[in-house]
Amino acid sequence: MDSQHDAKFIEALQEVGLAPMLSPTRYISMLGIDAKTLARNARVPVSTVTKTPDAANIQRYLRNNLRVIKAAYDVSGGDLAKSLHWFRTEPLPMFGQRTAEQMVSAGQVDDVIRLIDSYRAGAAG
């Protein structure tokens, strides 16, 4: 993402008045999921998503997702819809057909980032 798009993308997920906090509600809306799905993927109780959205574990999970989505966005030529679709639904053979979203949920953010970097370099794409 260029800095202008990057700022708008992140700004869209920030909780109004709480700039460093990412909004689980806005994330849910952007990805078209529900609170139960976010909680399951983040490995937290649903109450964390709904009652304590500023909890460190949910904020860390959202930031990790954004790292991967941003990397995918950069490789996709700036197509956010394509990046989100890839993140949520594309089975990745090198990860046992798990999606990037599933990999992030399993704590394997750096593995997904390396994969995306290899796409950028032309090695795996």
N, C-alpha and C. Protein backbone atom coordinates (compact mmCIF):
# COMPACT_ATOMS: atom_id res chain seq x y z
N MET A 1 0.84 -1.17 0.00
CA MET A 1 0.00 0.00 0.00
C MET A 1 0.88 1.23 0.00
N ASP A 2 0.48 2.21 -0.76
CA ASP A 2 1.21 3.46 -0.62
C ASP A 2 0.76 4.11 0.68
N SER A 3 1.50 5.10 1.13
CA SER A 3 1.23 5.64 2.45
C SER A 3 -0.18 6.22 2.57
N GLN A 4 -0.71 6.79 1.49
CA GLN A 4 -2.06 7.34 1.54
C GLN A 4 -3.10 6.23 1.71
N HIS A 5 -3.00 5.17 0.88
CA HIS A 5 -3.94 4.06 1.00
C HIS A 5 -3.74 3.31 2.31
N ASP A 6 -2.49 3.17 2.71
CA ASP A 6 -2.14 2.49 3.96
C ASP A 6 -2.83 3.20 5.11
N ALA A 7 -2.72 4.52 5.16
CA ALA A 7 -3.32 5.29 6.24
C ALA A 7 -4.84 5.15 6.22
N LYS A 8 -5.47 5.19 5.05
CA LYS A 8 -6.92 5.07 4.96
C LYS A 8 -7.39 3.68 5.39
N PHE A 9 -6.65 2.66 5.00
CA PHE A 9 -7.00 1.29 5.35
C PHE A 9 -6.94 1.11 6.87
N ILE A 10 -5.86 1.55 7.47
CA ILE A 10 -5.71 1.41 8.93
C ILE A 10 -6.69 2.33 9.64
N GLU A 11 -6.85 3.56 9.14
CA GLU A 11 -7.78 4.50 9.75
C GLU A 11 -9.20 3.92 9.77
N ALA A 12 -9.57 3.21 8.73
CA ALA A 12 -10.90 2.62 8.65
C ALA A 12 -11.13 1.58 9.74
N LEU A 13 -10.07 1.02 10.27
CA LEU A 13 -10.19 0.00 11.32
C LEU A 13 -9.97 0.55 12.72
N GLN A 14 -9.56 1.80 12.82
CA GLN A 14 -9.31 2.37 14.15
C GLN A 14 -10.61 2.77 14.82
N GLU A 15 -10.66 2.56 16.10
CA GLU A 15 -11.82 2.95 16.89
C GLU A 15 -11.78 4.46 17.04
N VAL A 16 -12.88 5.12 16.76
CA VAL A 16 -12.95 6.57 16.84
C VAL A 16 -12.57 7.03 18.24
N GLY A 17 -11.64 7.97 18.30
CA GLY A 17 -11.20 8.52 19.58
C GLY A 17 -10.15 7.67 20.29
N LEU A 18 -9.88 6.49 19.76
CA LEU A 18 -8.90 5.59 20.38
C LEU A 18 -7.92 5.14 19.31
N ALA A 19 -7.21 6.10 18.72
CA ALA A 19 -6.39 5.87 17.53
C ALA A 19 -5.51 4.63 17.54
N PRO A 20 -4.81 4.31 18.63
CA PRO A 20 -3.97 3.11 18.52
C PRO A 20 -4.76 1.81 18.55
N MET A 21 -6.05 1.87 18.91
CA MET A 21 -6.83 0.65 19.02
C MET A 21 -7.54 0.34 17.71
N LEU A 22 -7.38 -0.89 17.26
CA LEU A 22 -8.10 -1.35 16.07
C LEU A 22 -9.48 -1.84 16.52
N SER A 23 -10.47 -1.57 15.72
CA SER A 23 -11.84 -1.92 16.06
C SER A 23 -12.20 -3.32 15.56
N PRO A 24 -12.45 -4.24 16.49
CA PRO A 24 -12.92 -5.56 16.06
C PRO A 24 -14.23 -5.46 15.27
N THR A 25 -15.10 -4.54 15.66
CA THR A 25 -16.38 -4.37 14.97
C THR A 25 -16.16 -3.96 13.53
N ARG A 26 -15.26 -3.04 13.29
CA ARG A 26 -14.99 -2.60 11.92
C ARG A 26 -14.29 -3.71 11.13
N TYR A 27 -13.41 -4.46 11.79
CA TYR A 27 -12.74 -5.58 11.14
C TYR A 27 -13.78 -6.62 10.70
N ILE A 28 -14.69 -6.94 11.60
CA ILE A 28 -15.76 -7.89 11.31
C ILE A 28 -16.56 -7.44 10.09
N SER A 29 -16.89 -6.17 10.06
CA SER A 29 -17.65 -5.61 8.96
C SER A 29 -16.85 -5.67 7.65
N MET A 30 -15.58 -5.29 7.71
CA MET A 30 -14.74 -5.25 6.52
C MET A 30 -14.58 -6.65 5.92
N LEU A 31 -14.43 -7.66 6.77
CA LEU A 31 -14.20 -9.02 6.27
C LEU A 31 -15.48 -9.82 6.09
N GLY A 32 -16.60 -9.28 6.53
CA GLY A 32 -17.87 -9.98 6.35
C GLY A 32 -17.97 -11.23 7.21
N ILE A 33 -17.46 -11.13 8.42
CA ILE A 33 -17.52 -12.27 9.35
C ILE A 33 -18.35 -11.86 10.56
N ASP A 34 -18.51 -12.75 11.52
CA ASP A 34 -19.23 -12.40 12.74
C ASP A 34 -18.27 -12.45 13.93
N ALA A 35 -18.75 -12.02 15.07
CA ALA A 35 -17.92 -11.95 16.28
C ALA A 35 -17.43 -13.34 16.70
N LYS A 36 -18.27 -14.35 16.52
CA LYS A 36 -17.87 -15.72 16.89
C LYS A 36 -16.69 -16.18 16.04
N THR A 37 -16.72 -15.87 14.75
CA THR A 37 -15.64 -16.27 13.85
C THR A 37 -14.35 -15.54 14.25
N LEU A 38 -14.45 -14.24 14.50
CA LEU A 38 -13.27 -13.49 14.92
C LEU A 38 -12.72 -14.06 16.22
N ALA A 39 -13.59 -14.32 17.18
CA ALA A 39 -13.15 -14.85 18.46
C ALA A 39 -12.47 -16.21 18.29
N ARG A 40 -13.07 -17.07 17.48
CA ARG A 40 -12.49 -18.40 17.24
C ARG A 40 -11.11 -18.26 16.60
N ASN A 41 -11.01 -17.42 15.57
CA ASN A 41 -9.73 -17.25 14.87
C ASN A 41 -8.67 -16.61 15.76
N ALA A 42 -9.10 -15.68 16.61
CA ALA A 42 -8.16 -15.00 17.51
C ALA A 42 -7.87 -15.83 18.75
N ARG A 43 -8.64 -16.90 18.92
CA ARG A 43 -8.48 -17.80 20.06
C ARG A 43 -8.73 -17.08 21.39
N VAL A 44 -9.85 -16.34 21.36
CA VAL A 44 -10.29 -15.62 22.56
C VAL A 44 -11.79 -15.86 22.73
N PRO A 45 -12.31 -15.64 23.94
CA PRO A 45 -13.76 -15.73 24.12
C PRO A 45 -14.47 -14.62 23.34
N VAL A 46 -15.70 -14.87 22.94
CA VAL A 46 -16.47 -13.85 22.22
C VAL A 46 -16.57 -12.59 23.05
N SER A 47 -16.64 -12.74 24.37
CA SER A 47 -16.74 -11.56 25.24
C SER A 47 -15.54 -10.63 25.10
N THR A 48 -14.38 -11.17 24.74
CA THR A 48 -13.20 -10.32 24.52
C THR A 48 -13.44 -9.42 23.32
N VAL A 49 -14.02 -9.98 22.28
CA VAL A 49 -14.29 -9.22 21.07
C VAL A 49 -15.33 -8.13 21.35
N THR A 50 -16.37 -8.49 22.10
CA THR A 50 -17.48 -7.57 22.30
C THR A 50 -17.35 -6.64 23.50
N LYS A 51 -16.70 -7.11 24.57
CA LYS A 51 -16.66 -6.30 25.80
C LYS A 51 -15.30 -5.68 26.11
N THR A 52 -14.24 -6.32 25.65
CA THR A 52 -12.90 -5.77 25.91
C THR A 52 -12.08 -5.76 24.61
N PRO A 53 -12.56 -5.01 23.61
CA PRO A 53 -11.89 -5.02 22.31
C PRO A 53 -10.48 -4.45 22.34
N ASP A 54 -10.13 -3.78 23.43
CA ASP A 54 -8.78 -3.23 23.56
C ASP A 54 -7.81 -4.22 24.21
N ALA A 55 -8.27 -5.43 24.51
CA ALA A 55 -7.41 -6.44 25.13
C ALA A 55 -6.21 -6.73 24.22
N ALA A 56 -5.07 -6.91 24.83
CA ALA A 56 -3.82 -7.09 24.09
C ALA A 56 -3.89 -8.24 23.09
N ASN A 57 -4.51 -9.36 23.47
CA ASN A 57 -4.52 -10.52 22.58
C ASN A 57 -5.36 -10.28 21.32
N ILE A 58 -6.48 -9.59 21.43
CA ILE A 58 -7.29 -9.33 20.23
C ILE A 58 -6.62 -8.26 19.37
N GLN A 59 -6.02 -7.27 20.01
CA GLN A 59 -5.33 -6.22 19.26
C GLN A 59 -4.12 -6.80 18.52
N ARG A 60 -3.38 -7.69 19.16
CA ARG A 60 -2.24 -8.35 18.51
C ARG A 60 -2.70 -9.16 17.31
N TYR A 61 -3.80 -9.89 17.47
CA TYR A 61 -4.34 -10.69 16.38
C TYR A 61 -4.75 -9.79 15.20
N LEU A 62 -5.44 -8.71 15.48
CA LEU A 62 -5.85 -7.80 14.41
C LEU A 62 -4.64 -7.19 13.71
N ARG A 63 -3.63 -6.80 14.47
CA ARG A 63 -2.42 -6.24 13.86
C ARG A 63 -1.73 -7.28 12.98
N ASN A 64 -1.65 -8.51 13.44
CA ASN A 64 -1.03 -9.57 12.63
C ASN A 64 -1.80 -9.79 11.33
N ASN A 65 -3.13 -9.78 11.41
CA ASN A 65 -3.93 -9.91 10.19
C ASN A 65 -3.64 -8.75 9.25
N LEU A 66 -3.57 -7.56 9.79
CA LEU A 66 -3.29 -6.40 8.95
C LEU A 66 -1.93 -6.49 8.29
N ARG A 67 -0.94 -7.02 8.99
CA ARG A 67 0.39 -7.21 8.38
C ARG A 67 0.28 -8.09 7.14
N VAL A 68 -0.45 -9.19 7.26
CA VAL A 68 -0.58 -10.12 6.15
C VAL A 68 -1.44 -9.52 5.04
N ILE A 69 -2.54 -8.90 5.40
CA ILE A 69 -3.41 -8.29 4.39
C ILE A 69 -2.66 -7.19 3.65
N LYS A 70 -1.89 -6.39 4.37
CA LYS A 70 -1.12 -5.32 3.73
C LYS A 70 -0.08 -5.90 2.77
N ALA A 71 0.59 -6.95 3.18
CA ALA A 71 1.58 -7.59 2.30
C ALA A 71 0.90 -8.14 1.04
N ALA A 72 -0.26 -8.77 1.22
CA ALA A 72 -1.01 -9.29 0.07
C ALA A 72 -1.48 -8.14 -0.82
N TYR A 73 -1.89 -7.05 -0.21
CA TYR A 73 -2.32 -5.87 -0.95
C TYR A 73 -1.18 -5.33 -1.80
N ASP A 74 0.00 -5.26 -1.22
CA ASP A 74 1.17 -4.77 -1.96
C ASP A 74 1.47 -5.63 -3.18
N VAL A 75 1.36 -6.94 -3.03
CA VAL A 75 1.65 -7.87 -4.11
C VAL A 75 0.54 -7.86 -5.16
N SER A 76 -0.68 -7.60 -4.72
CA SER A 76 -1.83 -7.64 -5.64
C SER A 76 -1.94 -6.40 -6.52
N GLY A 77 -1.05 -5.45 -6.33
CA GLY A 77 -1.12 -4.22 -7.11
C GLY A 77 -2.14 -3.24 -6.56
N GLY A 78 -2.48 -3.41 -5.30
CA GLY A 78 -3.39 -2.45 -4.66
C GLY A 78 -4.85 -2.81 -4.76
N ASP A 79 -5.15 -4.07 -4.88
CA ASP A 79 -6.55 -4.52 -4.97
C ASP A 79 -6.96 -5.09 -3.61
N LEU A 80 -7.65 -4.27 -2.80
CA LEU A 80 -8.02 -4.68 -1.46
C LEU A 80 -9.00 -5.85 -1.47
N ALA A 81 -9.99 -5.80 -2.34
CA ALA A 81 -10.97 -6.90 -2.40
C ALA A 81 -10.27 -8.22 -2.72
N LYS A 82 -9.37 -8.19 -3.68
CA LYS A 82 -8.62 -9.40 -4.04
C LYS A 82 -7.76 -9.88 -2.86
N SER A 83 -7.15 -8.95 -2.16
CA SER A 83 -6.29 -9.29 -1.02
C SER A 83 -7.09 -9.93 0.11
N LEU A 84 -8.25 -9.36 0.41
CA LEU A 84 -9.10 -9.91 1.47
C LEU A 84 -9.64 -11.28 1.07
N HIS A 85 -10.02 -11.43 -0.19
CA HIS A 85 -10.50 -12.73 -0.67
C HIS A 85 -9.40 -13.78 -0.54
N TRP A 86 -8.19 -13.44 -0.99
CA TRP A 86 -7.06 -14.36 -0.89
C TRP A 86 -6.81 -14.73 0.57
N PHE A 87 -6.77 -13.74 1.44
CA PHE A 87 -6.50 -13.95 2.87
C PHE A 87 -7.50 -14.92 3.49
N ARG A 88 -8.77 -14.77 3.15
CA ARG A 88 -9.81 -15.56 3.80
C ARG A 88 -10.06 -16.92 3.15
N THR A 89 -9.87 -17.04 1.82
CA THR A 89 -10.40 -18.23 1.16
C THR A 89 -9.41 -19.07 0.35
N GLU A 90 -8.27 -18.53 0.02
CA GLU A 90 -7.35 -19.25 -0.88
C GLU A 90 -6.60 -20.35 -0.14
N PRO A 91 -6.83 -21.62 -0.46
CA PRO A 91 -6.06 -22.70 0.16
C PRO A 91 -4.61 -22.64 -0.31
N LEU A 92 -3.70 -22.73 0.63
CA LEU A 92 -2.27 -22.62 0.32
C LEU A 92 -1.65 -24.01 0.40
N PRO A 93 -1.29 -24.60 -0.75
CA PRO A 93 -0.75 -25.96 -0.77
C PRO A 93 0.46 -26.14 0.14
N MET A 94 1.32 -25.14 0.20
CA MET A 94 2.52 -25.28 1.03
C MET A 94 2.23 -25.30 2.52
N PHE A 95 0.99 -24.97 2.89
CA PHE A 95 0.57 -24.99 4.29
C PHE A 95 -0.58 -25.96 4.50
N GLY A 96 -0.55 -27.07 3.77
CA GLY A 96 -1.57 -28.10 3.95
C GLY A 96 -2.97 -27.64 3.60
N GLN A 97 -3.08 -26.75 2.62
CA GLN A 97 -4.35 -26.22 2.14
C GLN A 97 -5.03 -25.26 3.12
N ARG A 98 -4.32 -24.87 4.17
CA ARG A 98 -4.88 -23.86 5.08
C ARG A 98 -4.80 -22.49 4.41
N THR A 99 -5.69 -21.61 4.79
CA THR A 99 -5.69 -20.24 4.26
C THR A 99 -4.72 -19.38 5.06
N ALA A 100 -4.44 -18.21 4.54
CA ALA A 100 -3.60 -17.26 5.28
C ALA A 100 -4.28 -16.91 6.60
N GLU A 101 -5.58 -16.75 6.58
CA GLU A 101 -6.32 -16.45 7.81
C GLU A 101 -6.11 -17.55 8.85
N GLN A 102 -6.19 -18.79 8.42
CA GLN A 102 -5.98 -19.92 9.34
C GLN A 102 -4.54 -19.96 9.85
N MET A 103 -3.60 -19.61 8.99
CA MET A 103 -2.19 -19.59 9.39
C MET A 103 -1.95 -18.50 10.45
N VAL A 104 -2.54 -17.34 10.25
CA VAL A 104 -2.40 -16.27 11.25
C VAL A 104 -3.01 -16.72 12.56
N SER A 105 -4.16 -17.34 12.49
CA SER A 105 -4.83 -17.84 13.69
C SER A 105 -3.95 -18.83 14.45
N ALA A 106 -3.16 -19.60 13.70
CA ALA A 106 -2.26 -20.59 14.30
C ALA A 106 -0.93 -19.97 14.74
N GLY A 107 -0.81 -18.65 14.59
CA GLY A 107 0.41 -17.97 15.04
C GLY A 107 1.55 -18.02 14.04
N GLN A 108 1.26 -18.33 12.79
CA GLN A 108 2.31 -18.48 11.79
C GLN A 108 2.35 -17.30 10.81
N VAL A 109 2.28 -16.11 11.38
CA VAL A 109 2.28 -14.87 10.60
C VAL A 109 3.53 -14.76 9.75
N ASP A 110 4.68 -14.97 10.34
CA ASP A 110 5.94 -14.80 9.62
C ASP A 110 6.06 -15.77 8.44
N ASP A 111 5.51 -16.98 8.59
CA ASP A 111 5.52 -17.94 7.47
C ASP A 111 4.71 -17.41 6.30
N VAL A 112 3.56 -16.81 6.59
CA VAL A 112 2.72 -16.27 5.53
C VAL A 112 3.39 -15.06 4.89
N ILE A 113 4.01 -14.23 5.68
CA ILE A 113 4.72 -13.06 5.14
C ILE A 113 5.85 -13.52 4.22
N ARG A 114 6.57 -14.56 4.63
CA ARG A 114 7.64 -15.09 3.77
C ARG A 114 7.07 -15.62 2.45
N LEU A 115 5.93 -16.28 2.52
CA LEU A 115 5.29 -16.76 1.31
C LEU A 115 4.93 -15.59 0.38
N ILE A 116 4.34 -14.57 0.94
CA ILE A 116 3.97 -13.40 0.14
C ILE A 116 5.21 -12.75 -0.45
N ASP A 117 6.27 -12.67 0.34
CA ASP A 117 7.53 -12.13 -0.17
C ASP A 117 8.05 -12.96 -1.35
N SER A 118 7.85 -14.27 -1.27
CA SER A 118 8.29 -15.12 -2.39
C SER A 118 7.44 -14.86 -3.63
N TYR A 119 6.16 -14.54 -3.45
CA TYR A 119 5.32 -14.16 -4.60
C TYR A 119 5.88 -12.89 -5.22
N ARG A 120 6.23 -11.96 -4.37
CA ARG A 120 6.78 -10.68 -4.85
C ARG A 120 8.04 -10.93 -5.65
N ALA A 121 8.85 -11.87 -5.19
CA ALA A 121 10.11 -12.18 -5.88
C ALA A 121 9.90 -13.08 -7.10
N GLY A 122 8.68 -13.63 -7.23
CA GLY A 122 8.37 -14.48 -8.37
C GLY A 122 8.71 -15.94 -8.15
N ALA A 123 9.09 -16.32 -6.93
CA ALA A 123 9.52 -17.70 -6.67
C ALA A 123 8.36 -18.67 -6.54
N ALA A 124 7.24 -18.25 -5.96
CA ALA A 124 6.15 -19.19 -5.72
C ALA A 124 4.88 -18.80 -6.45
N GLY A 125 4.90 -17.71 -7.17
CA GLY A 125 3.67 -17.24 -7.84
C GLY A 125 3.66 -17.65 -9.23
